[in-house]
Amino acid sequence: MRRGLILFAHGSRDPVWAEPFEALAHRVRGLSPDTPVRLAFLELMQPDLDTAAAELISGGVDSLRVVPVFLGQGGHVRRHLPEHIARLRGRYPQIAFEAAPPAGEDRTVLDALARYCVSGLDRA
């Protein structure tokens, strides 16, 4: 089984907003160089989830994990992401799709954010 990974972010009209997500995708590729990784956006930026999935599938993946790089489960993650995944499953029934919980709900992510938040407190 060849697994692909999609990092799913919100999107913005400001192209600079995507830079941290592109840096994250670069770091993920470094940690798992054999895994095809794409960044996808819910709205306002490209590629969208359908396009990123199509690229990975045409590249030979037969399983896709979608990781929402959101801090929590707002309407986009609770409602829109499952709708997108259902549509993709209908279009590509031979592909196994998995949606991970939002990154911000993972304890290690929260611990890293907490360390970041207090990191400057000891500076004068």
N, C-alpha and C. Protein backbone atom coordinates (compact mmCIF):
# COMPACT_ATOMS: atom_id res chain seq x y z
N MET A 1 0.85 -1.18 0.00
CA MET A 1 0.00 0.00 0.00
C MET A 1 0.90 1.24 0.00
N ARG A 2 0.63 2.14 -0.91
CA ARG A 2 1.37 3.41 -0.97
C ARG A 2 0.48 4.52 -0.42
N ARG A 3 0.90 5.07 0.72
CA ARG A 3 0.11 6.09 1.40
C ARG A 3 0.57 7.48 1.01
N GLY A 4 -0.40 8.38 0.85
CA GLY A 4 -0.12 9.79 0.63
C GLY A 4 -0.66 10.60 1.79
N LEU A 5 -0.19 11.81 1.91
CA LEU A 5 -0.56 12.67 3.03
C LEU A 5 -0.94 14.05 2.50
N ILE A 6 -2.09 14.54 2.95
CA ILE A 6 -2.53 15.89 2.60
C ILE A 6 -2.63 16.70 3.88
N LEU A 7 -1.91 17.81 3.92
CA LEU A 7 -2.03 18.76 5.02
C LEU A 7 -3.09 19.76 4.60
N PHE A 8 -4.18 19.82 5.34
CA PHE A 8 -5.36 20.58 4.95
C PHE A 8 -5.49 21.82 5.82
N ALA A 9 -5.36 23.00 5.19
CA ALA A 9 -5.42 24.28 5.90
C ALA A 9 -6.59 25.10 5.39
N HIS A 10 -6.88 26.19 6.06
CA HIS A 10 -8.04 27.01 5.71
C HIS A 10 -7.87 27.75 4.39
N GLY A 11 -6.87 28.59 4.29
CA GLY A 11 -6.67 29.42 3.10
C GLY A 11 -6.91 30.88 3.43
N SER A 12 -6.36 31.77 2.59
CA SER A 12 -6.47 33.21 2.80
C SER A 12 -6.25 33.92 1.47
N ARG A 13 -6.71 35.15 1.40
CA ARG A 13 -6.42 35.96 0.21
C ARG A 13 -4.97 36.43 0.18
N ASP A 14 -4.33 36.46 1.33
CA ASP A 14 -2.95 36.92 1.45
C ASP A 14 -2.00 35.75 1.22
N PRO A 15 -1.22 35.78 0.15
CA PRO A 15 -0.34 34.65 -0.16
C PRO A 15 0.73 34.40 0.91
N VAL A 16 1.10 35.43 1.67
CA VAL A 16 2.10 35.26 2.73
C VAL A 16 1.58 34.32 3.82
N TRP A 17 0.27 34.30 3.99
CA TRP A 17 -0.35 33.46 5.01
C TRP A 17 0.01 31.98 4.83
N ALA A 18 0.25 31.56 3.60
CA ALA A 18 0.53 30.14 3.33
C ALA A 18 1.95 29.73 3.71
N GLU A 19 2.84 30.68 3.93
CA GLU A 19 4.24 30.34 4.16
C GLU A 19 4.48 29.37 5.32
N PRO A 20 3.85 29.54 6.49
CA PRO A 20 4.09 28.55 7.55
C PRO A 20 3.59 27.15 7.19
N PHE A 21 2.53 27.08 6.41
CA PHE A 21 2.02 25.77 5.99
C PHE A 21 2.94 25.12 4.97
N GLU A 22 3.52 25.93 4.09
CA GLU A 22 4.51 25.41 3.15
C GLU A 22 5.75 24.92 3.89
N ALA A 23 6.16 25.66 4.93
CA ALA A 23 7.30 25.23 5.75
C ALA A 23 6.98 23.93 6.48
N LEU A 24 5.76 23.80 6.96
CA LEU A 24 5.34 22.56 7.60
C LEU A 24 5.40 21.40 6.62
N ALA A 25 4.87 21.59 5.43
CA ALA A 25 4.91 20.53 4.41
C ALA A 25 6.34 20.12 4.10
N HIS A 26 7.23 21.10 4.03
CA HIS A 26 8.65 20.81 3.77
C HIS A 26 9.24 19.96 4.91
N ARG A 27 8.91 20.31 6.15
CA ARG A 27 9.41 19.55 7.29
C ARG A 27 8.84 18.13 7.32
N VAL A 28 7.56 18.00 6.97
CA VAL A 28 6.94 16.67 6.92
C VAL A 28 7.63 15.80 5.87
N ARG A 29 7.92 16.39 4.72
CA ARG A 29 8.62 15.64 3.67
C ARG A 29 9.99 15.17 4.16
N GLY A 30 10.66 16.02 4.94
CA GLY A 30 11.95 15.64 5.50
C GLY A 30 11.86 14.50 6.49
N LEU A 31 10.78 14.45 7.25
CA LEU A 31 10.59 13.38 8.23
C LEU A 31 10.14 12.07 7.59
N SER A 32 9.48 12.16 6.45
CA SER A 32 8.96 10.96 5.78
C SER A 32 9.20 11.09 4.27
N PRO A 33 10.46 10.99 3.84
CA PRO A 33 10.79 11.27 2.44
C PRO A 33 10.15 10.35 1.42
N ASP A 34 9.71 9.17 1.84
CA ASP A 34 9.07 8.24 0.91
C ASP A 34 7.57 8.47 0.78
N THR A 35 7.03 9.39 1.57
CA THR A 35 5.59 9.65 1.55
C THR A 35 5.30 10.86 0.67
N PRO A 36 4.46 10.70 -0.34
CA PRO A 36 4.05 11.87 -1.13
C PRO A 36 3.18 12.78 -0.26
N VAL A 37 3.55 14.06 -0.19
CA VAL A 37 2.87 15.02 0.68
C VAL A 37 2.41 16.21 -0.17
N ARG A 38 1.16 16.62 0.05
CA ARG A 38 0.63 17.81 -0.60
C ARG A 38 -0.02 18.69 0.45
N LEU A 39 0.00 19.98 0.19
CA LEU A 39 -0.71 20.95 0.98
C LEU A 39 -1.98 21.28 0.22
N ALA A 40 -3.12 21.37 0.92
CA ALA A 40 -4.40 21.71 0.28
C ALA A 40 -5.12 22.72 1.15
N PHE A 41 -5.99 23.50 0.51
CA PHE A 41 -6.69 24.57 1.21
C PHE A 41 -8.20 24.42 1.04
N LEU A 42 -8.91 24.79 2.09
CA LEU A 42 -10.37 24.74 2.07
C LEU A 42 -10.93 25.78 1.12
N GLU A 43 -10.38 26.99 1.17
CA GLU A 43 -10.91 28.06 0.33
C GLU A 43 -9.84 29.13 0.10
N LEU A 44 -10.05 29.93 -0.92
CA LEU A 44 -9.27 31.12 -1.22
C LEU A 44 -7.86 30.87 -1.74
N MET A 45 -7.35 29.65 -1.66
CA MET A 45 -6.00 29.32 -2.14
C MET A 45 -6.05 27.99 -2.86
N GLN A 46 -5.03 27.75 -3.64
CA GLN A 46 -4.90 26.51 -4.38
C GLN A 46 -3.61 25.81 -3.96
N PRO A 47 -3.59 24.50 -4.05
CA PRO A 47 -4.65 23.64 -4.56
C PRO A 47 -5.73 23.39 -3.51
N ASP A 48 -6.91 23.07 -3.98
CA ASP A 48 -7.96 22.65 -3.06
C ASP A 48 -7.79 21.16 -2.77
N LEU A 49 -8.62 20.64 -1.89
CA LEU A 49 -8.49 19.24 -1.47
C LEU A 49 -8.68 18.28 -2.64
N ASP A 50 -9.65 18.56 -3.50
CA ASP A 50 -9.90 17.67 -4.65
C ASP A 50 -8.69 17.61 -5.57
N THR A 51 -8.08 18.76 -5.83
CA THR A 51 -6.92 18.81 -6.72
C THR A 51 -5.72 18.08 -6.11
N ALA A 52 -5.46 18.33 -4.83
CA ALA A 52 -4.34 17.66 -4.17
C ALA A 52 -4.54 16.15 -4.15
N ALA A 53 -5.76 15.71 -3.87
CA ALA A 53 -6.04 14.27 -3.87
C ALA A 53 -5.84 13.68 -5.26
N ALA A 54 -6.34 14.36 -6.28
CA ALA A 54 -6.20 13.86 -7.65
C ALA A 54 -4.72 13.74 -8.04
N GLU A 55 -3.90 14.72 -7.64
CA GLU A 55 -2.47 14.66 -7.94
C GLU A 55 -1.81 13.44 -7.29
N LEU A 56 -2.14 13.20 -6.02
CA LEU A 56 -1.54 12.07 -5.32
C LEU A 56 -2.02 10.74 -5.90
N ILE A 57 -3.29 10.67 -6.21
CA ILE A 57 -3.85 9.43 -6.77
C ILE A 57 -3.25 9.16 -8.15
N SER A 58 -3.12 10.19 -8.96
CA SER A 58 -2.51 9.98 -10.28
C SER A 58 -1.03 9.61 -10.16
N GLY A 59 -0.43 9.93 -9.03
CA GLY A 59 0.96 9.55 -8.76
C GLY A 59 1.10 8.16 -8.18
N GLY A 60 -0.01 7.45 -7.98
CA GLY A 60 0.07 6.06 -7.57
C GLY A 60 -0.26 5.74 -6.13
N VAL A 61 -0.75 6.70 -5.35
CA VAL A 61 -1.13 6.34 -3.97
C VAL A 61 -2.46 5.60 -3.98
N ASP A 62 -2.63 4.71 -3.03
CA ASP A 62 -3.91 4.00 -2.91
C ASP A 62 -4.55 4.21 -1.54
N SER A 63 -3.93 5.10 -0.75
CA SER A 63 -4.44 5.44 0.56
C SER A 63 -4.05 6.89 0.85
N LEU A 64 -5.00 7.66 1.35
CA LEU A 64 -4.74 9.08 1.64
C LEU A 64 -5.14 9.42 3.06
N ARG A 65 -4.23 10.03 3.78
CA ARG A 65 -4.50 10.55 5.13
C ARG A 65 -4.57 12.07 5.00
N VAL A 66 -5.68 12.64 5.45
CA VAL A 66 -5.88 14.08 5.43
C VAL A 66 -5.74 14.59 6.86
N VAL A 67 -4.77 15.49 7.07
CA VAL A 67 -4.52 16.03 8.40
C VAL A 67 -4.92 17.51 8.40
N PRO A 68 -6.00 17.83 9.12
CA PRO A 68 -6.38 19.25 9.23
C PRO A 68 -5.39 19.99 10.12
N VAL A 69 -4.72 20.97 9.55
CA VAL A 69 -3.80 21.77 10.36
C VAL A 69 -4.57 22.98 10.89
N PHE A 70 -5.57 22.65 11.69
CA PHE A 70 -6.44 23.59 12.39
C PHE A 70 -6.20 23.35 13.87
N LEU A 71 -6.46 24.35 14.70
CA LEU A 71 -6.29 24.17 16.14
C LEU A 71 -7.46 23.43 16.77
N GLY A 72 -8.65 23.52 16.21
CA GLY A 72 -9.80 22.86 16.80
C GLY A 72 -10.82 22.47 15.76
N GLN A 73 -11.91 21.90 16.24
CA GLN A 73 -12.96 21.41 15.36
C GLN A 73 -14.09 22.42 15.22
N GLY A 74 -13.85 23.44 14.44
CA GLY A 74 -14.94 24.34 14.09
C GLY A 74 -15.77 23.70 12.98
N GLY A 75 -16.67 24.48 12.42
CA GLY A 75 -17.56 23.97 11.38
C GLY A 75 -16.83 23.43 10.17
N HIS A 76 -15.68 24.01 9.85
CA HIS A 76 -14.94 23.53 8.68
C HIS A 76 -14.48 22.09 8.87
N VAL A 77 -14.00 21.77 10.05
CA VAL A 77 -13.50 20.42 10.29
C VAL A 77 -14.64 19.45 10.59
N ARG A 78 -15.63 19.90 11.34
CA ARG A 78 -16.76 19.02 11.69
C ARG A 78 -17.69 18.76 10.52
N ARG A 79 -17.92 19.77 9.69
CA ARG A 79 -18.92 19.65 8.64
C ARG A 79 -18.30 19.59 7.23
N HIS A 80 -17.48 20.57 6.90
CA HIS A 80 -16.98 20.65 5.52
C HIS A 80 -15.99 19.55 5.16
N LEU A 81 -15.06 19.24 6.05
CA LEU A 81 -14.09 18.20 5.73
C LEU A 81 -14.76 16.84 5.50
N PRO A 82 -15.67 16.39 6.37
CA PRO A 82 -16.34 15.12 6.08
C PRO A 82 -17.10 15.13 4.75
N GLU A 83 -17.68 16.27 4.38
CA GLU A 83 -18.36 16.37 3.09
C GLU A 83 -17.37 16.19 1.94
N HIS A 84 -16.22 16.83 2.06
CA HIS A 84 -15.18 16.69 1.03
C HIS A 84 -14.69 15.24 0.94
N ILE A 85 -14.44 14.63 2.08
CA ILE A 85 -13.96 13.25 2.11
C ILE A 85 -15.00 12.31 1.50
N ALA A 86 -16.27 12.51 1.83
CA ALA A 86 -17.34 11.66 1.26
C ALA A 86 -17.38 11.80 -0.26
N ARG A 87 -17.23 13.02 -0.74
CA ARG A 87 -17.23 13.24 -2.20
C ARG A 87 -16.03 12.54 -2.85
N LEU A 88 -14.87 12.63 -2.21
CA LEU A 88 -13.68 11.96 -2.74
C LEU A 88 -13.84 10.44 -2.73
N ARG A 89 -14.44 9.90 -1.67
CA ARG A 89 -14.67 8.45 -1.62
C ARG A 89 -15.59 8.01 -2.74
N GLY A 90 -16.60 8.83 -3.05
CA GLY A 90 -17.49 8.51 -4.16
C GLY A 90 -16.79 8.56 -5.49
N ARG A 91 -15.89 9.50 -5.67
CA ARG A 91 -15.15 9.66 -6.93
C ARG A 91 -14.06 8.62 -7.08
N TYR A 92 -13.44 8.23 -5.95
CA TYR A 92 -12.32 7.28 -5.98
C TYR A 92 -12.59 6.13 -5.00
N PRO A 93 -13.52 5.25 -5.32
CA PRO A 93 -13.88 4.18 -4.38
C PRO A 93 -12.74 3.19 -4.11
N GLN A 94 -11.75 3.15 -4.97
CA GLN A 94 -10.63 2.23 -4.78
C GLN A 94 -9.57 2.77 -3.81
N ILE A 95 -9.73 4.01 -3.39
CA ILE A 95 -8.75 4.66 -2.51
C ILE A 95 -9.28 4.68 -1.08
N ALA A 96 -8.42 4.34 -0.14
CA ALA A 96 -8.77 4.42 1.28
C ALA A 96 -8.47 5.84 1.77
N PHE A 97 -9.47 6.51 2.31
CA PHE A 97 -9.31 7.87 2.84
C PHE A 97 -9.43 7.84 4.35
N GLU A 98 -8.58 8.59 5.01
CA GLU A 98 -8.62 8.73 6.46
C GLU A 98 -8.50 10.21 6.79
N ALA A 99 -9.35 10.71 7.66
CA ALA A 99 -9.25 12.08 8.14
C ALA A 99 -8.77 12.04 9.59
N ALA A 100 -7.65 12.67 9.84
CA ALA A 100 -7.09 12.74 11.19
C ALA A 100 -7.83 13.82 11.98
N PRO A 101 -7.76 13.76 13.30
CA PRO A 101 -8.30 14.87 14.10
C PRO A 101 -7.48 16.13 13.81
N PRO A 102 -8.01 17.30 14.11
CA PRO A 102 -7.24 18.54 13.92
C PRO A 102 -5.93 18.50 14.69
N ALA A 103 -4.90 19.06 14.09
CA ALA A 103 -3.57 19.04 14.71
C ALA A 103 -3.59 19.63 16.11
N GLY A 104 -4.38 20.67 16.32
CA GLY A 104 -4.42 21.34 17.62
C GLY A 104 -5.05 20.54 18.72
N GLU A 105 -5.63 19.40 18.40
CA GLU A 105 -6.21 18.55 19.45
C GLU A 105 -5.25 17.46 19.91
N ASP A 106 -4.07 17.43 19.31
CA ASP A 106 -3.07 16.45 19.70
C ASP A 106 -2.25 17.00 20.87
N ARG A 107 -2.04 16.18 21.87
CA ARG A 107 -1.35 16.62 23.08
C ARG A 107 0.06 17.13 22.79
N THR A 108 0.79 16.46 21.89
CA THR A 108 2.16 16.90 21.61
C THR A 108 2.16 18.26 20.92
N VAL A 109 1.17 18.53 20.08
CA VAL A 109 1.07 19.84 19.42
C VAL A 109 0.75 20.90 20.48
N LEU A 110 -0.19 20.61 21.35
CA LEU A 110 -0.54 21.57 22.41
C LEU A 110 0.64 21.82 23.34
N ASP A 111 1.39 20.77 23.65
CA ASP A 111 2.58 20.95 24.50
C ASP A 111 3.61 21.85 23.82
N ALA A 112 3.82 21.65 22.51
CA ALA A 112 4.77 22.49 21.77
C ALA A 112 4.29 23.94 21.74
N LEU A 113 3.00 24.15 21.54
CA LEU A 113 2.46 25.52 21.55
C LEU A 113 2.58 26.15 22.93
N ALA A 114 2.34 25.38 23.97
CA ALA A 114 2.47 25.91 25.33
C ALA A 114 3.91 26.32 25.60
N ARG A 115 4.88 25.48 25.19
CA ARG A 115 6.30 25.84 25.37
C ARG A 115 6.63 27.11 24.60
N TYR A 116 6.11 27.23 23.39
CA TYR A 116 6.33 28.44 22.60
C TYR A 116 5.75 29.67 23.32
N CYS A 117 4.56 29.55 23.84
CA CYS A 117 3.89 30.67 24.49
C CYS A 117 4.67 31.21 25.69
N VAL A 118 5.30 30.36 26.44
CA VAL A 118 6.04 30.80 27.63
C VAL A 118 7.52 31.01 27.35
N SER A 119 7.97 30.74 26.13
CA SER A 119 9.41 30.77 25.84
C SER A 119 10.06 32.13 26.05
N GLY A 120 9.34 33.20 25.87
CA GLY A 120 9.94 34.54 26.02
C GLY A 120 9.74 35.17 27.37
N LEU A 121 9.11 34.49 28.28
CA LEU A 121 8.80 35.08 29.58
C LEU A 121 10.02 35.38 30.41
N ASP A 122 11.11 34.63 30.23
CA ASP A 122 12.29 34.82 31.06
C ASP A 122 13.21 35.92 30.53
N ARG A 123 12.86 36.53 29.41
CA ARG A 123 13.66 37.62 28.86
C ARG A 123 13.23 38.95 29.45
N ALA A 124 14.18 39.80 29.68
CA ALA A 124 13.86 41.12 30.27
C ALA A 124 13.36 42.09 29.22
